[in-house]
């Protein structure tokens, strides 16, 4: 009997609300430089470099060795929708095809949240919970750092 291929995981995580930070303010910061994501999620991404139009990341999980590598490419930057989508094209994390969208969503008139969502092939050594936790950490840290940067700039 042949085994059925596993369906792709469709996962999402949303940060807590960023009070007093409008969606356009957060998006202007996140969309400014796709290659600077390491500034927003330092516990997951140690460094990024732009090489041949792709983003090369040095990745750590749980803030400790071993250090991993991922290369992704931007698929779409949607200014009106306040989002960008990228695809992981190479990695040593054991991940197959991964397409992730980072989006700033308004919450009322004067607040927002950061949403990370992914469609990924099931990966050996990873569970749905592992990948969801990764996305939640990315969303929460991104929102926290965006809030800190914007509030510091308004002083």
Protein backbone atom coordinates (compact mmCIF):
# COMPACT_ATOMS: atom_id res chain seq x y z
CA UNK A 1 0.00 0.00 0.00
CA UNK A 2 1.39 3.39 -0.98
CA UNK A 3 1.50 6.09 1.63
CA UNK A 4 -0.33 9.30 0.92
CA UNK A 5 1.89 12.36 0.46
CA UNK A 6 1.63 14.73 3.40
CA UNK A 7 -0.19 17.98 2.80
CA UNK A 8 1.74 21.21 3.15
CA UNK A 9 1.49 22.95 6.48
CA UNK A 10 -0.35 26.27 6.38
CA UNK A 11 0.60 28.09 9.55
CA UNK A 12 0.31 31.61 10.91
CA UNK A 13 1.26 33.57 13.99
CA UNK A 14 0.30 37.10 14.98
CA UNK A 15 2.03 39.37 17.45
CA UNK A 16 0.22 41.04 20.27
CA UNK A 17 -1.21 44.46 19.47
CA UNK A 18 1.24 47.33 19.14
CA UNK A 19 -0.66 50.11 20.87
CA UNK A 20 -0.02 53.56 19.47
CA UNK A 21 1.83 52.27 16.40
CA UNK A 22 -0.13 52.74 13.19
CA UNK A 23 0.13 50.06 10.51
CA UNK A 24 1.65 52.53 8.02
CA UNK A 25 4.37 53.47 10.53
CA UNK A 26 5.32 49.85 11.19
CA UNK A 27 5.21 49.00 7.49
CA UNK A 28 7.43 51.95 6.54
CA UNK A 29 10.07 50.53 8.87
CA UNK A 30 9.77 46.87 7.82
CA UNK A 31 9.55 47.57 4.10
CA UNK A 32 12.53 49.92 4.09
CA UNK A 33 15.11 47.16 3.87
CA UNK A 34 14.15 43.54 3.24
CA UNK A 35 17.76 42.55 3.97
CA UNK A 36 17.76 43.84 7.56
CA UNK A 37 15.41 41.32 9.19
CA UNK A 38 18.16 40.35 11.62
CA UNK A 39 17.62 43.71 13.34
CA UNK A 40 14.06 42.69 14.21
CA UNK A 41 14.40 39.03 15.23
CA UNK A 42 17.83 38.77 16.86
CA UNK A 43 17.10 35.53 18.72
CA UNK A 44 16.45 33.76 15.41
CA UNK A 45 18.55 35.54 12.78
CA UNK A 46 22.11 36.51 13.63
CA UNK A 47 23.07 38.19 10.37
CA UNK A 48 21.87 38.84 6.83
CA UNK A 49 23.69 39.65 3.64
CA UNK A 50 22.55 40.44 0.13
CA UNK A 51 24.31 38.22 -2.40
CA UNK A 52 23.22 38.03 -6.04
CA UNK A 53 19.82 39.50 -5.16
CA UNK A 54 19.07 36.84 -2.56
CA UNK A 55 18.98 37.26 1.20
CA UNK A 56 21.49 35.01 2.97
CA UNK A 57 20.72 34.47 6.66
CA UNK A 58 22.70 33.05 9.52
CA UNK A 59 20.04 31.43 11.69
CA UNK A 60 20.08 30.21 15.28
CA UNK A 61 17.28 28.26 16.94
CA UNK A 62 16.68 28.82 20.65
CA UNK A 63 19.58 31.27 20.68
CA UNK A 64 22.35 28.70 20.77
CA UNK A 65 24.52 26.56 18.50
CA UNK A 66 24.37 24.95 16.13
CA UNK A 67 24.17 27.82 13.67
CA UNK A 68 22.21 27.23 10.50
CA UNK A 69 22.11 28.78 7.07
CA UNK A 70 19.21 29.80 4.86
CA UNK A 71 18.98 31.61 1.56
CA UNK A 72 15.73 33.14 0.42
CA UNK A 73 14.49 35.37 -2.35
CA UNK A 74 11.86 38.02 -2.35
CA UNK A 75 8.82 37.00 -4.39
CA UNK A 76 6.57 40.01 -3.82
CA UNK A 77 6.60 43.35 -2.04
CA UNK A 78 3.01 44.58 -1.65
CA UNK A 79 3.09 48.19 -0.47
CA UNK A 80 -0.70 48.62 -0.52
CA UNK A 81 -1.25 45.37 1.40
CA UNK A 82 1.67 46.11 3.77
CA UNK A 83 3.28 42.73 3.19
CA UNK A 84 6.13 40.92 1.56
CA UNK A 85 6.48 37.29 0.56
CA UNK A 86 9.67 35.33 0.24
CA UNK A 87 10.66 31.77 -0.60
CA UNK A 88 13.41 29.79 1.10
CA UNK A 89 15.51 28.44 -1.77
CA UNK A 90 18.33 26.79 0.16
CA UNK A 91 18.97 25.86 3.80
CA UNK A 92 20.56 23.36 6.13
CA UNK A 93 17.64 23.39 8.58
CA UNK A 94 16.04 20.36 6.96
CA UNK A 95 13.21 22.43 5.49
CA UNK A 96 11.71 21.72 2.09
CA UNK A 97 9.83 24.36 0.14
CA UNK A 98 8.82 27.27 2.39
CA UNK A 99 6.93 30.39 1.31
CA UNK A 100 6.46 32.98 4.04
CA UNK A 101 4.54 36.25 4.16
CA UNK A 102 5.22 39.00 6.67
CA UNK A 103 2.30 41.40 7.00
CA UNK A 104 1.43 44.44 9.08
CA UNK A 105 -2.27 44.41 9.95
CA UNK A 106 -4.14 47.40 11.35
CA UNK A 107 -5.88 46.96 14.70
CA UNK A 108 -8.20 49.93 15.02
CA UNK A 109 -7.11 53.37 13.89
CA UNK A 110 -3.95 53.76 15.97
CA UNK A 111 -2.53 50.27 16.49
CA UNK A 112 -1.33 47.28 14.51
CA UNK A 113 0.02 43.74 14.74
CA UNK A 114 2.65 41.82 12.78
CA UNK A 115 1.60 38.55 11.16
CA UNK A 116 3.95 35.86 9.87
CA UNK A 117 2.37 33.07 7.81
CA UNK A 118 3.95 30.18 5.94
CA UNK A 119 3.10 27.38 3.61
CA UNK A 120 5.76 24.72 4.01
CA UNK A 121 6.36 21.13 3.14
CA UNK A 122 6.49 18.94 6.24
CA UNK A 123 10.14 18.70 7.26
CA UNK A 124 12.01 15.83 8.89
CA UNK A 125 12.75 16.67 12.50
CA UNK A 126 10.18 19.48 12.62
CA UNK A 127 6.63 19.32 13.94
CA UNK A 128 3.75 21.68 13.26
CA UNK A 129 4.26 22.95 16.80
CA UNK A 130 8.00 23.61 16.18
CA UNK A 131 7.31 25.64 13.07
CA UNK A 132 4.38 27.49 14.65
CA UNK A 133 6.61 28.40 17.61
CA UNK A 134 9.25 29.68 15.18
CA UNK A 135 6.66 31.88 13.47
CA UNK A 136 5.29 33.10 16.80
CA UNK A 137 8.76 34.07 17.98
CA UNK A 138 9.40 35.89 14.71
CA UNK A 139 6.07 37.76 14.90
CA UNK A 140 6.45 38.70 18.56
CA UNK A 141 10.07 39.82 18.29
CA UNK A 142 9.43 41.78 15.11
CA UNK A 143 6.55 43.65 16.74
CA UNK A 144 8.50 44.33 19.91
CA UNK A 145 11.49 45.70 18.02
CA UNK A 146 9.37 47.77 15.61
CA UNK A 147 7.59 49.31 18.58
CA UNK A 148 10.89 50.09 20.33
CA UNK A 149 12.42 51.69 17.24
CA UNK A 150 9.37 53.81 16.46
CA UNK A 151 8.86 54.93 20.05
CA UNK A 152 12.54 55.86 20.38
CA UNK A 153 12.26 57.92 17.20
CA UNK A 154 9.26 59.84 18.56
CA UNK A 155 11.03 61.08 21.69
